[in-house]
Amino acid sequence: MAVRKKGSATRARLIEAACDVFAEKGYDDATVAEICSRADANIAALNYHLGDKAAAYRMAYHLAFEEGLSRHPFDLQSDASPIERLEAHIVSLLRRMNVDGDLTRFERIRNWESLKPTG
C-alpha cells in the first residue's frame, strides 16, 4: 500500500512539474530532465508514470485547463440552451484572456501553443 501511495505522489509531482515547465518554456524548450529535476524524480520515473514528454504535455495541459476552468468557470444553468452555452464559453474564454498579467498555467501554455504549435 505504501509503494502505491508513493507512486501516486511521484506521478502527481511529475504532472505538476511538467505543467510549470511547459507553462514557462513551451513544449519545444521544455526538457524531460528539467521536469524530473523539479519533481525530484528520475527520468525513468517520468517514463514509467507518464510515458514520454508528449504524454506528460497532454496531462499537464489537461491539469492546467482544469485549473483555468475552476478559476474562470462557465456560468451555466443546467437547462441552458446551445446559444447560452456558447455565450458562457466565450465569456469564460475572454475572462481567461484578460486577467491583467495574472495568467494561469493554462493561459501561459495556450500562449505558447499560439507561438509554437505542438501539432
PDB file of N, CA and C in Angstrom:
ATOM      1  N   MET A   1       0.820  -1.195   0.000  1.00  0.00           N
ATOM      2  CA  MET A   1       0.000   0.000   0.000  1.00  0.00           C
ATOM      3  C   MET A   1       0.861   1.254   0.000  1.00  0.00           C
ATOM      4  N   ALA A   2       1.962   1.259   0.782  1.00  0.00           N
ATOM      5  CA  ALA A   2       2.834   2.429   0.853  1.00  0.00           C
ATOM      6  C   ALA A   2       3.516   2.678  -0.486  1.00  0.00           C
ATOM      7  N   VAL A   3       3.867   1.611  -1.219  1.00  0.00           N
ATOM      8  CA  VAL A   3       4.503   1.760  -2.521  1.00  0.00           C
ATOM      9  C   VAL A   3       3.539   2.425  -3.494  1.00  0.00           C
ATOM     10  N   ARG A   4       2.294   2.023  -3.474  1.00  0.00           N
ATOM     11  CA  ARG A   4       1.288   2.602  -4.369  1.00  0.00           C
ATOM     12  C   ARG A   4       1.088   4.077  -4.072  1.00  0.00           C
ATOM     13  N   LYS A   5       1.023   4.431  -2.787  1.00  0.00           N
ATOM     14  CA  LYS A   5       0.848   5.822  -2.386  1.00  0.00           C
ATOM     15  C   LYS A   5       2.040   6.654  -2.835  1.00  0.00           C
ATOM     16  N   LYS A   6       3.244   6.095  -2.675  1.00  0.00           N
ATOM     17  CA  LYS A   6       4.459   6.791  -3.085  1.00  0.00           C
ATOM     18  C   LYS A   6       4.464   6.994  -4.601  1.00  0.00           C
ATOM     19  N   GLY A   7       4.067   5.975  -5.347  1.00  0.00           N
ATOM     20  CA  GLY A   7       3.999   6.081  -6.803  1.00  0.00           C
ATOM     21  C   GLY A   7       3.002   7.124  -7.252  1.00  0.00           C
ATOM     22  N   SER A   8       1.877   7.183  -6.568  1.00  0.00           N
ATOM     23  CA  SER A   8       0.855   8.177  -6.877  1.00  0.00           C
ATOM     24  C   SER A   8       1.368   9.586  -6.606  1.00  0.00           C
ATOM     25  N   ALA A   9       2.121   9.743  -5.522  1.00  0.00           N
ATOM     26  CA  ALA A   9       2.687  11.052  -5.190  1.00  0.00           C
ATOM     27  C   ALA A   9       3.741  11.456  -6.222  1.00  0.00           C
ATOM     28  N   THR A  10       4.535  10.504  -6.672  1.00  0.00           N
ATOM     29  CA  THR A  10       5.546  10.784  -7.695  1.00  0.00           C
ATOM     30  C   THR A  10       4.875  11.216  -8.993  1.00  0.00           C
ATOM     31  N   ARG A  11       3.837  10.509  -9.374  1.00  0.00           N
ATOM     32  CA  ARG A  11       3.101  10.850 -10.598  1.00  0.00           C
ATOM     33  C   ARG A  11       2.535  12.265 -10.501  1.00  0.00           C
ATOM     34  N   ALA A  12       1.943  12.592  -9.375  1.00  0.00           N
ATOM     35  CA  ALA A  12       1.366  13.933  -9.186  1.00  0.00           C
ATOM     36  C   ALA A  12       2.453  15.009  -9.252  1.00  0.00           C
ATOM     37  N   ARG A  13       3.602  14.743  -8.629  1.00  0.00           N
ATOM     38  CA  ARG A  13       4.711  15.711  -8.673  1.00  0.00           C
ATOM     39  C   ARG A  13       5.205  15.906 -10.103  1.00  0.00           C
ATOM     40  N   LEU A  14       5.278  14.826 -10.854  1.00  0.00           N
ATOM     41  CA  LEU A  14       5.727  14.916 -12.238  1.00  0.00           C
ATOM     42  C   LEU A  14       4.763  15.745 -13.082  1.00  0.00           C
ATOM     43  N   ILE A  15       3.484  15.531 -12.912  1.00  0.00           N
ATOM     44  CA  ILE A  15       2.499  16.296 -13.690  1.00  0.00           C
ATOM     45  C   ILE A  15       2.536  17.765 -13.295  1.00  0.00           C
ATOM     46  N   GLU A  16       2.634  18.053 -12.004  1.00  0.00           N
ATOM     47  CA  GLU A  16       2.736  19.443 -11.542  1.00  0.00           C
ATOM     48  C   GLU A  16       3.981  20.114 -12.112  1.00  0.00           C
ATOM     49  N   ALA A  17       5.099  19.423 -12.036  1.00  0.00           N
ATOM     50  CA  ALA A  17       6.350  19.987 -12.550  1.00  0.00           C
ATOM     51  C   ALA A  17       6.264  20.194 -14.061  1.00  0.00           C
ATOM     52  N   ALA A  18       5.692  19.228 -14.757  1.00  0.00           N
ATOM     53  CA  ALA A  18       5.529  19.358 -16.205  1.00  0.00           C
ATOM     54  C   ALA A  18       4.670  20.566 -16.543  1.00  0.00           C
ATOM     55  N   CYS A  19       3.623  20.749 -15.786  1.00  0.00           N
ATOM     56  CA  CYS A  19       2.733  21.886 -16.006  1.00  0.00           C
ATOM     57  C   CYS A  19       3.506  23.199 -15.854  1.00  0.00           C
ATOM     58  N   ASP A  20       4.317  23.292 -14.818  1.00  0.00           N
ATOM     59  CA  ASP A  20       5.116  24.504 -14.596  1.00  0.00           C
ATOM     60  C   ASP A  20       6.124  24.724 -15.722  1.00  0.00           C
ATOM     61  N   VAL A  21       6.847  23.682 -16.079  1.00  0.00           N
ATOM     62  CA  VAL A  21       7.894  23.814 -17.097  1.00  0.00           C
ATOM     63  C   VAL A  21       7.289  24.153 -18.460  1.00  0.00           C
ATOM     64  N   PHE A  22       6.210  23.476 -18.839  1.00  0.00           N
ATOM     65  CA  PHE A  22       5.580  23.771 -20.127  1.00  0.00           C
ATOM     66  C   PHE A  22       4.991  25.182 -20.146  1.00  0.00           C
ATOM     67  N   ALA A  23       4.464  25.638 -19.018  1.00  0.00           N
ATOM     68  CA  ALA A  23       3.923  26.999 -18.942  1.00  0.00           C
ATOM     69  C   ALA A  23       5.038  28.037 -19.074  1.00  0.00           C
ATOM     70  N   GLU A  24       6.204  27.727 -18.539  1.00  0.00           N
ATOM     71  CA  GLU A  24       7.330  28.662 -18.589  1.00  0.00           C
ATOM     72  C   GLU A  24       8.059  28.653 -19.932  1.00  0.00           C
ATOM     73  N   LYS A  25       8.194  27.474 -20.539  1.00  0.00           N
ATOM     74  CA  LYS A  25       9.077  27.346 -21.694  1.00  0.00           C
ATOM     75  C   LYS A  25       8.414  26.891 -22.977  1.00  0.00           C
ATOM     76  N   GLY A  26       7.182  26.430 -22.904  1.00  0.00           N
ATOM     77  CA  GLY A  26       6.561  25.842 -24.080  1.00  0.00           C
ATOM     78  C   GLY A  26       7.044  24.421 -24.275  1.00  0.00           C
ATOM     79  N   TYR A  27       6.446  23.722 -25.201  1.00  0.00           N
ATOM     80  CA  TYR A  27       6.774  22.305 -25.408  1.00  0.00           C
ATOM     81  C   TYR A  27       8.190  22.116 -25.932  1.00  0.00           C
ATOM     82  N   ASP A  28       8.549  22.876 -26.960  1.00  0.00           N
ATOM     83  CA  ASP A  28       9.848  22.663 -27.613  1.00  0.00           C
ATOM     84  C   ASP A  28      11.034  22.867 -26.678  1.00  0.00           C
ATOM     85  N   ASP A  29      10.974  23.897 -25.840  1.00  0.00           N
ATOM     86  CA  ASP A  29      12.122  24.221 -24.993  1.00  0.00           C
ATOM     87  C   ASP A  29      12.097  23.525 -23.629  1.00  0.00           C
ATOM     88  N   ALA A  30      11.011  22.880 -23.311  1.00  0.00           N
ATOM     89  CA  ALA A  30      10.934  22.113 -22.060  1.00  0.00           C
ATOM     90  C   ALA A  30      11.715  20.817 -22.237  1.00  0.00           C
ATOM     91  N   THR A  31      12.364  20.392 -21.172  1.00  0.00           N
ATOM     92  CA  THR A  31      13.094  19.121 -21.241  1.00  0.00           C
ATOM     93  C   THR A  31      12.584  18.168 -20.170  1.00  0.00           C
ATOM     94  N   VAL A  32      12.662  16.900 -20.486  1.00  0.00           N
ATOM     95  CA  VAL A  32      12.286  15.866 -19.525  1.00  0.00           C
ATOM     96  C   VAL A  32      13.194  15.960 -18.301  1.00  0.00           C
ATOM     97  N   ALA A  33      14.452  16.270 -18.522  1.00  0.00           N
ATOM     98  CA  ALA A  33      15.400  16.379 -17.400  1.00  0.00           C
ATOM     99  C   ALA A  33      14.971  17.468 -16.422  1.00  0.00           C
ATOM    100  N   GLU A  34      14.532  18.610 -16.945  1.00  0.00           N
ATOM    101  CA  GLU A  34      14.108  19.687 -16.048  1.00  0.00           C
ATOM    102  C   GLU A  34      12.823  19.322 -15.306  1.00  0.00           C
ATOM    103  N   ILE A  35      11.903  18.704 -15.999  1.00  0.00           N
ATOM    104  CA  ILE A  35      10.665  18.267 -15.348  1.00  0.00           C
ATOM    105  C   ILE A  35      10.988  17.319 -14.203  1.00  0.00           C
ATOM    106  N   CYS A  36      11.839  16.348 -14.474  1.00  0.00           N
ATOM    107  CA  CYS A  36      12.205  15.367 -13.449  1.00  0.00           C
ATOM    108  C   CYS A  36      12.952  16.016 -12.299  1.00  0.00           C
ATOM    109  N   SER A  37      13.828  16.942 -12.596  1.00  0.00           N
ATOM    110  CA  SER A  37      14.569  17.640 -11.551  1.00  0.00           C
ATOM    111  C   SER A  37      13.615  18.385 -10.621  1.00  0.00           C
ATOM    112  N   ARG A  38      12.661  19.089 -11.195  1.00  0.00           N
ATOM    113  CA  ARG A  38      11.699  19.840 -10.382  1.00  0.00           C
ATOM    114  C   ARG A  38      10.788  18.922  -9.575  1.00  0.00           C
ATOM    115  N   ALA A  39      10.525  17.754 -10.114  1.00  0.00           N
ATOM    116  CA  ALA A  39       9.657  16.798  -9.425  1.00  0.00           C
ATOM    117  C   ALA A  39      10.430  15.927  -8.450  1.00  0.00           C
ATOM    118  N   ASP A  40      11.722  16.115  -8.388  1.00  0.00           N
ATOM    119  CA  ASP A  40      12.591  15.284  -7.551  1.00  0.00           C
ATOM    120  C   ASP A  40      12.389  13.806  -7.897  1.00  0.00           C
ATOM    121  N   ALA A  41      12.466  13.547  -9.213  1.00  0.00           N
ATOM    122  CA  ALA A  41      12.284  12.185  -9.717  1.00  0.00           C
ATOM    123  C   ALA A  41      13.306  11.951 -10.826  1.00  0.00           C
ATOM    124  N   ASN A  42      13.519  10.704 -11.175  1.00  0.00           N
ATOM    125  CA  ASN A  42      14.440  10.429 -12.269  1.00  0.00           C
ATOM    126  C   ASN A  42      13.673  10.240 -13.576  1.00  0.00           C
ATOM    127  N   ILE A  43      14.429  10.235 -14.658  1.00  0.00           N
ATOM    128  CA  ILE A  43      13.801  10.150 -15.980  1.00  0.00           C
ATOM    129  C   ILE A  43      13.020   8.852 -16.137  1.00  0.00           C
ATOM    130  N   ALA A  44      13.512   7.788 -15.550  1.00  0.00           N
ATOM    131  CA  ALA A  44      12.787   6.520 -15.621  1.00  0.00           C
ATOM    132  C   ALA A  44      11.410   6.644 -14.965  1.00  0.00           C
ATOM    133  N   ALA A  45      11.316   7.465 -13.915  1.00  0.00           N
ATOM    134  CA  ALA A  45      10.027   7.662 -13.239  1.00  0.00           C
ATOM    135  C   ALA A  45       9.044   8.354 -14.168  1.00  0.00           C
ATOM    136  N   LEU A  46       9.523   9.339 -14.936  1.00  0.00           N
ATOM    137  CA  LEU A  46       8.619  10.014 -15.877  1.00  0.00           C
ATOM    138  C   LEU A  46       8.142   9.023 -16.923  1.00  0.00           C
ATOM    139  N   ASN A  47       9.068   8.244 -17.455  1.00  0.00           N
ATOM    140  CA  ASN A  47       8.681   7.252 -18.463  1.00  0.00           C
ATOM    141  C   ASN A  47       7.701   6.227 -17.895  1.00  0.00           C
ATOM    142  N   TYR A  48       7.927   5.808 -16.667  1.00  0.00           N
ATOM    143  CA  TYR A  48       7.062   4.815 -16.027  1.00  0.00           C
ATOM    144  C   TYR A  48       5.667   5.382 -15.746  1.00  0.00           C
ATOM    145  N   HIS A  49       5.613   6.575 -15.141  1.00  0.00           N
ATOM    146  CA  HIS A  49       4.331   7.136 -14.702  1.00  0.00           C
ATOM    147  C   HIS A  49       3.562   7.867 -15.799  1.00  0.00           C
ATOM    148  N   LEU A  50       4.277   8.500 -16.721  1.00  0.00           N
ATOM    149  CA  LEU A  50       3.580   9.336 -17.709  1.00  0.00           C
ATOM    150  C   LEU A  50       3.755   8.851 -19.142  1.00  0.00           C
ATOM    151  N   GLY A  51       4.790   8.112 -19.421  1.00  0.00           N
ATOM    152  CA  GLY A  51       5.023   7.605 -20.769  1.00  0.00           C
ATOM    153  C   GLY A  51       6.197   8.280 -21.442  1.00  0.00           C
ATOM    154  N   ASP A  52       6.007   9.518 -21.863  1.00  0.00           N
ATOM    155  CA  ASP A  52       7.066  10.274 -22.515  1.00  0.00           C
ATOM    156  C   ASP A  52       6.736  11.763 -22.429  1.00  0.00           C
ATOM    157  N   LYS A  53       7.551  12.577 -23.062  1.00  0.00           N
ATOM    158  CA  LYS A  53       7.354  14.030 -22.996  1.00  0.00           C
ATOM    159  C   LYS A  53       5.992  14.433 -23.563  1.00  0.00           C
ATOM    160  N   ALA A  54       5.592  13.840 -24.677  1.00  0.00           N
ATOM    161  CA  ALA A  54       4.302  14.181 -25.290  1.00  0.00           C
ATOM    162  C   ALA A  54       3.138  13.826 -24.365  1.00  0.00           C
ATOM    163  N   ALA A  55       3.214  12.675 -23.727  1.00  0.00           N
ATOM    164  CA  ALA A  55       2.156  12.275 -22.794  1.00  0.00           C
ATOM    165  C   ALA A  55       2.141  13.191 -21.573  1.00  0.00           C
ATOM    166  N   ALA A  56       3.333  13.566 -21.101  1.00  0.00           N
ATOM    167  CA  ALA A  56       3.424  14.495 -19.973  1.00  0.00           C
ATOM    168  C   ALA A  56       2.783  15.829 -20.344  1.00  0.00           C
ATOM    169  N   TYR A  57       3.005  16.253 -21.579  1.00  0.00           N
ATOM    170  CA  TYR A  57       2.417  17.509 -22.049  1.00  0.00           C
ATOM    171  C   TYR A  57       0.890  17.428 -22.056  1.00  0.00           C
ATOM    172  N   ARG A  58       0.358  16.344 -22.560  1.00  0.00           N
ATOM    173  CA  ARG A  58      -1.106  16.194 -22.591  1.00  0.00           C
ATOM    174  C   ARG A  58      -1.688  16.227 -21.176  1.00  0.00           C
ATOM    175  N   MET A  59      -1.037  15.537 -20.246  1.00  0.00           N
ATOM    176  CA  MET A  59      -1.518  15.519 -18.859  1.00  0.00           C
ATOM    177  C   MET A  59      -1.381  16.893 -18.215  1.00  0.00           C
ATOM    178  N   ALA A  60      -0.277  17.566 -18.482  1.00  0.00           N
ATOM    179  CA  ALA A  60      -0.070  18.913 -17.927  1.00  0.00           C
ATOM    180  C   ALA A  60      -1.089  19.884 -18.511  1.00  0.00           C
ATOM    181  N   TYR A  61      -1.346  19.765 -19.798  1.00  0.00           N
ATOM    182  CA  TYR A  61      -2.326  20.636 -20.456  1.00  0.00           C
ATOM    183  C   TYR A  61      -3.708  20.429 -19.843  1.00  0.00           C
ATOM    184  N   HIS A  62      -4.063  19.188 -19.629  1.00  0.00           N
ATOM    185  CA  HIS A  62      -5.360  18.868 -19.031  1.00  0.00           C
ATOM    186  C   HIS A  62      -5.461  19.448 -17.612  1.00  0.00           C
ATOM    187  N   LEU A  63      -4.419  19.273 -16.810  1.00  0.00           N
ATOM    188  CA  LEU A  63      -4.408  19.828 -15.455  1.00  0.00           C
ATOM    189  C   LEU A  63      -4.529  21.343 -15.501  1.00  0.00           C
ATOM    190  N   ALA A  64      -3.751  21.984 -16.368  1.00  0.00           N
ATOM    191  CA  ALA A  64      -3.792  23.437 -16.474  1.00  0.00           C
ATOM    192  C   ALA A  64      -5.170  23.917 -16.939  1.00  0.00           C
ATOM    193  N   PHE A  65      -5.779  23.184 -17.870  1.00  0.00           N
ATOM    194  CA  PHE A  65      -7.117  23.544 -18.344  1.00  0.00           C
ATOM    195  C   PHE A  65      -8.124  23.475 -17.196  1.00  0.00           C
ATOM    196  N   GLU A  66      -8.062  22.401 -16.412  1.00  0.00           N
ATOM    197  CA  GLU A  66      -8.981  22.249 -15.280  1.00  0.00           C
ATOM    198  C   GLU A  66      -8.786  23.374 -14.259  1.00  0.00           C
ATOM    199  N   GLU A  67      -7.533  23.751 -14.006  1.00  0.00           N
ATOM    200  CA  GLU A  67      -7.264  24.862 -13.089  1.00  0.00           C
ATOM    201  C   GLU A  67      -7.840  26.161 -13.628  1.00  0.00           C
ATOM    202  N   GLY A  68      -7.622  26.404 -14.911  1.00  0.00           N
ATOM    203  CA  GLY A  68      -8.154  27.620 -15.530  1.00  0.00           C
ATOM    204  C   GLY A  68      -9.670  27.644 -15.513  1.00  0.00           C
ATOM    205  N   LEU A  69     -10.266  26.498 -15.753  1.00  0.00           N
ATOM    206  CA  LEU A  69     -11.728  26.413 -15.745  1.00  0.00           C
ATOM    207  C   LEU A  69     -12.288  26.647 -14.345  1.00  0.00           C
ATOM    208  N   SER A  70     -11.601  26.161 -13.326  1.00  0.00           N
ATOM    209  CA  SER A  70     -12.098  26.382 -11.964  1.00  0.00           C
ATOM    210  C   SER A  70     -11.945  27.856 -11.570  1.00  0.00           C
ATOM    211  N   ARG A  71     -10.943  28.506 -12.138  1.00  0.00           N
ATOM    212  CA  ARG A  71     -10.749  29.934 -11.854  1.00  0.00           C
ATOM    213  C   ARG A  71     -11.732  30.802 -12.636  1.00  0.00           C
ATOM    214  N   HIS A  72     -12.064  30.385 -13.847  1.00  0.00           N
ATOM    215  CA  HIS A  72     -12.992  31.120 -14.717  1.00  0.00           C
ATOM    216  C   HIS A  72     -14.042  30.141 -15.244  1.00  0.00           C
ATOM    217  N   PRO A  73     -14.970  29.726 -14.393  1.00  0.00           N
ATOM    218  CA  PRO A  73     -15.938  28.693 -14.808  1.00  0.00           C
ATOM    219  C   PRO A  73     -16.971  29.216 -15.801  1.00  0.00           C
ATOM    220  N   PHE A  74     -17.567  28.272 -16.476  1.00  0.00           N
ATOM    221  CA  PHE A  74     -18.713  28.600 -17.321  1.00  0.00           C
ATOM    222  C   PHE A  74     -19.892  28.800 -16.388  1.00  0.00           C
ATOM    223  N   ASP A  75     -20.517  29.952 -16.442  1.00  0.00           N
ATOM    224  CA  ASP A  75     -21.687  30.218 -15.607  1.00  0.00           C
ATOM    225  C   ASP A  75     -22.928  29.740 -16.360  1.00  0.00           C
ATOM    226  N   LEU A  76     -23.336  28.513 -16.076  1.00  0.00           N
ATOM    227  CA  LEU A  76     -24.442  27.897 -16.807  1.00  0.00           C
ATOM    228  C   LEU A  76     -25.513  27.354 -15.879  1.00  0.00           C
ATOM    229  N   GLN A  77     -26.724  27.470 -16.321  1.00  0.00           N
ATOM    230  CA  GLN A  77     -27.832  26.769 -15.685  1.00  0.00           C
ATOM    231  C   GLN A  77     -27.905  25.386 -16.330  1.00  0.00           C
ATOM    232  N   SER A  78     -28.433  24.434 -15.624  1.00  0.00           N
ATOM    233  CA  SER A  78     -28.472  23.063 -16.151  1.00  0.00           C
ATOM    234  C   SER A  78     -29.329  22.950 -17.414  1.00  0.00           C
ATOM    235  N   ASP A  79     -30.286  23.853 -17.586  1.00  0.00           N
ATOM    236  CA  ASP A  79     -31.162  23.789 -18.763  1.00  0.00           C
ATOM    237  C   ASP A  79     -30.790  24.835 -19.811  1.00  0.00           C
ATOM    238  N   ALA A  80     -29.543  25.234 -19.848  1.00  0.00           N
ATOM    239  CA  ALA A  80     -29.096  26.272 -20.781  1.00  0.00           C
ATOM    240  C   ALA A  80     -29.249  25.815 -22.228  1.00  0.00           C
ATOM    241  N   SER A  81     -29.650  26.741 -23.062  1.00  0.00           N
ATOM    242  CA  SER A  81     -29.782  26.453 -24.489  1.00  0.00           C
ATOM    243  C   SER A  81     -28.384  26.416 -25.127  1.00  0.00           C
ATOM    244  N   PRO A  82     -28.293  25.884 -26.337  1.00  0.00           N
ATOM    245  CA  PRO A  82     -26.990  25.884 -27.011  1.00  0.00           C
ATOM    246  C   PRO A  82     -26.396  27.291 -27.153  1.00  0.00           C
ATOM    247  N   ILE A  83     -27.219  28.271 -27.421  1.00  0.00           N
ATOM    248  CA  ILE A  83     -26.741  29.658 -27.546  1.00  0.00           C
ATOM    249  C   ILE A  83     -26.206  30.144 -26.197  1.00  0.00           C
ATOM    250  N   GLU A  84     -26.903  29.846 -25.126  1.00  0.00           N
ATOM    251  CA  GLU A  84     -26.457  30.260 -23.791  1.00  0.00           C
ATOM    252  C   GLU A  84     -25.152  29.553 -23.415  1.00  0.00           C
ATOM    253  N   ARG A  85     -25.022  28.297 -23.811  1.00  0.00           N
ATOM    254  CA  ARG A  85     -23.797  27.555 -23.524  1.00  0.00           C
ATOM    255  C   ARG A  85     -22.617  28.154 -24.289  1.00  0.00           C
ATOM    256  N   LEU A  86     -22.837  28.497 -25.552  1.00  0.00           N
ATOM    257  CA  LEU A  86     -21.789  29.119 -26.354  1.00  0.00           C
ATOM    258  C   LEU A  86     -21.398  30.480 -25.766  1.00  0.00           C
ATOM    259  N   GLU A  87     -22.389  31.250 -25.372  1.00  0.00           N
ATOM    260  CA  GLU A  87     -22.120  32.559 -24.764  1.00  0.00           C
ATOM    261  C   GLU A  87     -21.300  32.405 -23.485  1.00  0.00           C
ATOM    262  N   ALA A  88     -21.656  31.450 -22.652  1.00  0.00           N
ATOM    263  CA  ALA A  88     -20.918  31.219 -21.407  1.00  0.00           C
ATOM    264  C   ALA A  88     -19.469  30.812 -21.707  1.00  0.00           C
ATOM    265  N   HIS A  89     -19.291  29.986 -22.726  1.00  0.00           N
ATOM    266  CA  HIS A  89     -17.948  29.564 -23.111  1.00  0.00           C
ATOM    267  C   HIS A  89     -17.123  30.773 -23.573  1.00  0.00           C
ATOM    268  N   ILE A  90     -17.711  31.618 -24.383  1.00  0.00           N
ATOM    269  CA  ILE A  90     -16.999  32.798 -24.893  1.00  0.00           C
ATOM    270  C   ILE A  90     -16.658  33.763 -23.759  1.00  0.00           C
ATOM    271  N   VAL A  91     -17.596  33.992 -22.856  1.00  0.00           N
ATOM    272  CA  VAL A  91     -17.342  34.883 -21.720  1.00  0.00           C
ATOM    273  C   VAL A  91     -16.209  34.325 -20.855  1.00  0.00           C
ATOM    274  N   SER A  92     -16.234  33.031 -20.586  1.00  0.00           N
ATOM    275  CA  SER A  92     -15.170  32.399 -19.800  1.00  0.00           C
ATOM    276  C   SER A  92     -13.824  32.537 -20.504  1.00  0.00           C
ATOM    277  N   LEU A  93     -13.813  32.301 -21.805  1.00  0.00           N
ATOM    278  CA  LEU A  93     -12.580  32.424 -22.578  1.00  0.00           C
ATOM    279  C   LEU A  93     -12.043  33.852 -22.533  1.00  0.00           C
ATOM    280  N   LEU A  94     -12.907  34.827 -22.699  1.00  0.00           N
ATOM    281  CA  LEU A  94     -12.478  36.220 -22.648  1.00  0.00           C
ATOM    282  C   LEU A  94     -11.959  36.597 -21.269  1.00  0.00           C
ATOM    283  N   ARG A  95     -12.576  36.099 -20.220  1.00  0.00           N
ATOM    284  CA  ARG A  95     -12.072  36.345 -18.868  1.00  0.00           C
ATOM    285  C   ARG A  95     -10.668  35.774 -18.708  1.00  0.00           C
ATOM    286  N   ARG A  96     -10.467  34.560 -19.240  1.00  0.00           N
ATOM    287  CA  ARG A  96      -9.156  33.928 -19.132  1.00  0.00           C
ATOM    288  C   ARG A  96      -8.097  34.672 -19.930  1.00  0.00           C
ATOM    289  N   MET A  97      -8.504  35.346 -21.003  1.00  0.00           N
ATOM    290  CA  MET A  97      -7.551  36.065 -21.848  1.00  0.00           C
ATOM    291  C   MET A  97      -7.199  37.442 -21.289  1.00  0.00           C
ATOM    292  N   ASN A  98      -8.018  37.967 -20.418  1.00  0.00           N
ATOM    293  CA  ASN A  98      -7.846  39.330 -19.940  1.00  0.00           C
ATOM    294  C   ASN A  98      -7.769  39.385 -18.429  1.00  0.00           C
ATOM    295  N   VAL A  99      -6.738  38.801 -17.876  1.00  0.00           N
ATOM    296  CA  VAL A  99      -6.632  38.734 -16.421  1.00  0.00           C
ATOM    297  C   VAL A  99      -5.529  39.627 -15.875  1.00  0.00           C
ATOM    298  N   ASP A 100      -5.186  40.678 -16.615  1.00  0.00           N
ATOM    299  CA  ASP A 100      -4.244  41.697 -16.145  1.00  0.00           C
ATOM    300  C   ASP A 100      -2.907  41.132 -15.677  1.00  0.00           C
ATOM    301  N   GLY A 101      -2.310  40.271 -16.473  1.00  0.00           N
ATOM    302  CA  GLY A 101      -0.977  39.780 -16.167  1.00  0.00           C
ATOM    303  C   GLY A 101      -0.914  38.641 -15.167  1.00  0.00           C
ATOM    304  N   ASP A 102      -2.014  38.287 -14.547  1.00  0.00           N
ATOM    305  CA  ASP A 102      -2.024  37.185 -13.584  1.00  0.00           C
ATOM    306  C   ASP A 102      -2.502  35.927 -14.302  1.00  0.00           C
ATOM    307  N   LEU A 103      -1.687  35.448 -15.219  1.00  0.00           N
ATOM    308  CA  LEU A 103      -2.086  34.323 -16.061  1.00  0.00           C
ATOM    309  C   LEU A 103      -1.965  33.002 -15.321  1.00  0.00           C
ATOM    310  N   THR A 104      -2.927  32.142 -15.552  1.00  0.00           N
ATOM    311  CA  THR A 104      -2.839  30.785 -15.019  1.00  0.00           C
ATOM    312  C   THR A 104      -1.868  29.995 -15.891  1.00  0.00           C
ATOM    313  N   ARG A 105      -1.517  28.820 -15.438  1.00  0.00           N
ATOM    314  CA  ARG A 105      -0.632  27.977 -16.234  1.00  0.00           C
ATOM    315  C   ARG A 105      -1.275  27.641 -17.572  1.00  0.00           C
ATOM    316  N   PHE A 106      -2.598  27.484 -17.584  1.00  0.00           N
ATOM    317  CA  PHE A 106      -3.272  27.178 -18.843  1.00  0.00           C
ATOM    318  C   PHE A 106      -3.112  28.320 -19.840  1.00  0.00           C
ATOM    319  N   GLU A 107      -3.303  29.549 -19.385  1.00  0.00           N
ATOM    320  CA  GLU A 107      -3.162  30.674 -20.305  1.00  0.00           C
ATOM    321  C   GLU A 107      -1.741  30.767 -20.848  1.00  0.00           C
ATOM    322  N   ARG A 108      -0.765  30.487 -19.991  1.00  0.00           N
ATOM    323  CA  ARG A 108       0.625  30.551 -20.461  1.00  0.00           C
ATOM    324  C   ARG A 108       0.919  29.422 -21.447  1.00  0.00           C
ATOM    325  N   ILE A 109       0.405  28.217 -21.180  1.00  0.00           N
ATOM    326  CA  ILE A 109       0.592  27.114 -22.131  1.00  0.00           C
ATOM    327  C   ILE A 109      -0.120  27.440 -23.438  1.00  0.00           C
ATOM    328  N   ARG A 110      -1.326  27.962 -23.335  1.00  0.00           N
ATOM    329  CA  ARG A 110      -2.081  28.328 -24.541  1.00  0.00           C
ATOM    330  C   ARG A 110      -1.332  29.387 -25.351  1.00  0.00           C
ATOM    331  N   ASN A 111      -0.707  30.343 -24.665  1.00  0.00           N
ATOM    332  CA  ASN A 111       0.085  31.358 -25.370  1.00  0.00           C
ATOM    333  C   ASN A 111       1.258  30.725 -26.116  1.00  0.00           C
ATOM    334  N   TRP A 112       1.920  29.750 -25.480  1.00  0.00           N
ATOM    335  CA  TRP A 112       2.993  29.043 -26.178  1.00  0.00           C
ATOM    336  C   TRP A 112       2.456  28.294 -27.393  1.00  0.00           C
ATOM    337  N   GLU A 113       1.284  27.717 -27.256  1.00  0.00           N
ATOM    338  CA  GLU A 113       0.675  26.999 -28.386  1.00  0.00           C
ATOM    339  C   GLU A 113       0.409  27.955 -29.549  1.00  0.00           C
ATOM    340  N   SER A 114       0.044  29.188 -29.230  1.00  0.00           N
ATOM    341  CA  SER A 114      -0.188  30.178 -30.298  1.00  0.00           C
ATOM    342  C   SER A 114       1.120  30.530 -30.995  1.00  0.00           C
ATOM    343  N   LEU A 115       2.210  30.604 -30.223  1.00  0.00           N
ATOM    344  CA  LEU A 115       3.507  30.968 -30.799  1.00  0.00           C
ATOM    345  C   LEU A 115       4.183  29.807 -31.513  1.00  0.00           C
ATOM    346  N   LYS A 116       4.145  28.641 -30.871  1.00  0.00           N
ATOM    347  CA  LYS A 116       4.810  27.450 -31.403  1.00  0.00           C
ATOM    348  C   LYS A 116       3.893  26.246 -31.232  1.00  0.00           C
ATOM    349  N   PRO A 117       2.957  26.044 -32.139  1.00  0.00           N
ATOM    350  CA  PRO A 117       2.032  24.904 -32.005  1.00  0.00           C
ATOM    351  C   PRO A 117       2.774  23.569 -31.950  1.00  0.00           C
ATOM    352  N   THR A 118       2.302  22.692 -31.074  1.00  0.00           N
ATOM    353  CA  THR A 118       2.960  21.385 -30.959  1.00  0.00           C
ATOM    354  C   THR A 118       2.480  20.403 -32.009  1.00  0.00           C
ATOM    355  N   GLY A 119       1.353  20.690 -32.607  1.00  0.00           N
ATOM    356  CA  GLY A 119       0.877  19.823 -33.685  1.00  0.00           C
ATOM    357  C   GLY A 119       0.036  18.703 -33.268  1.00  0.00           C
TER     358      GLY A 119
END
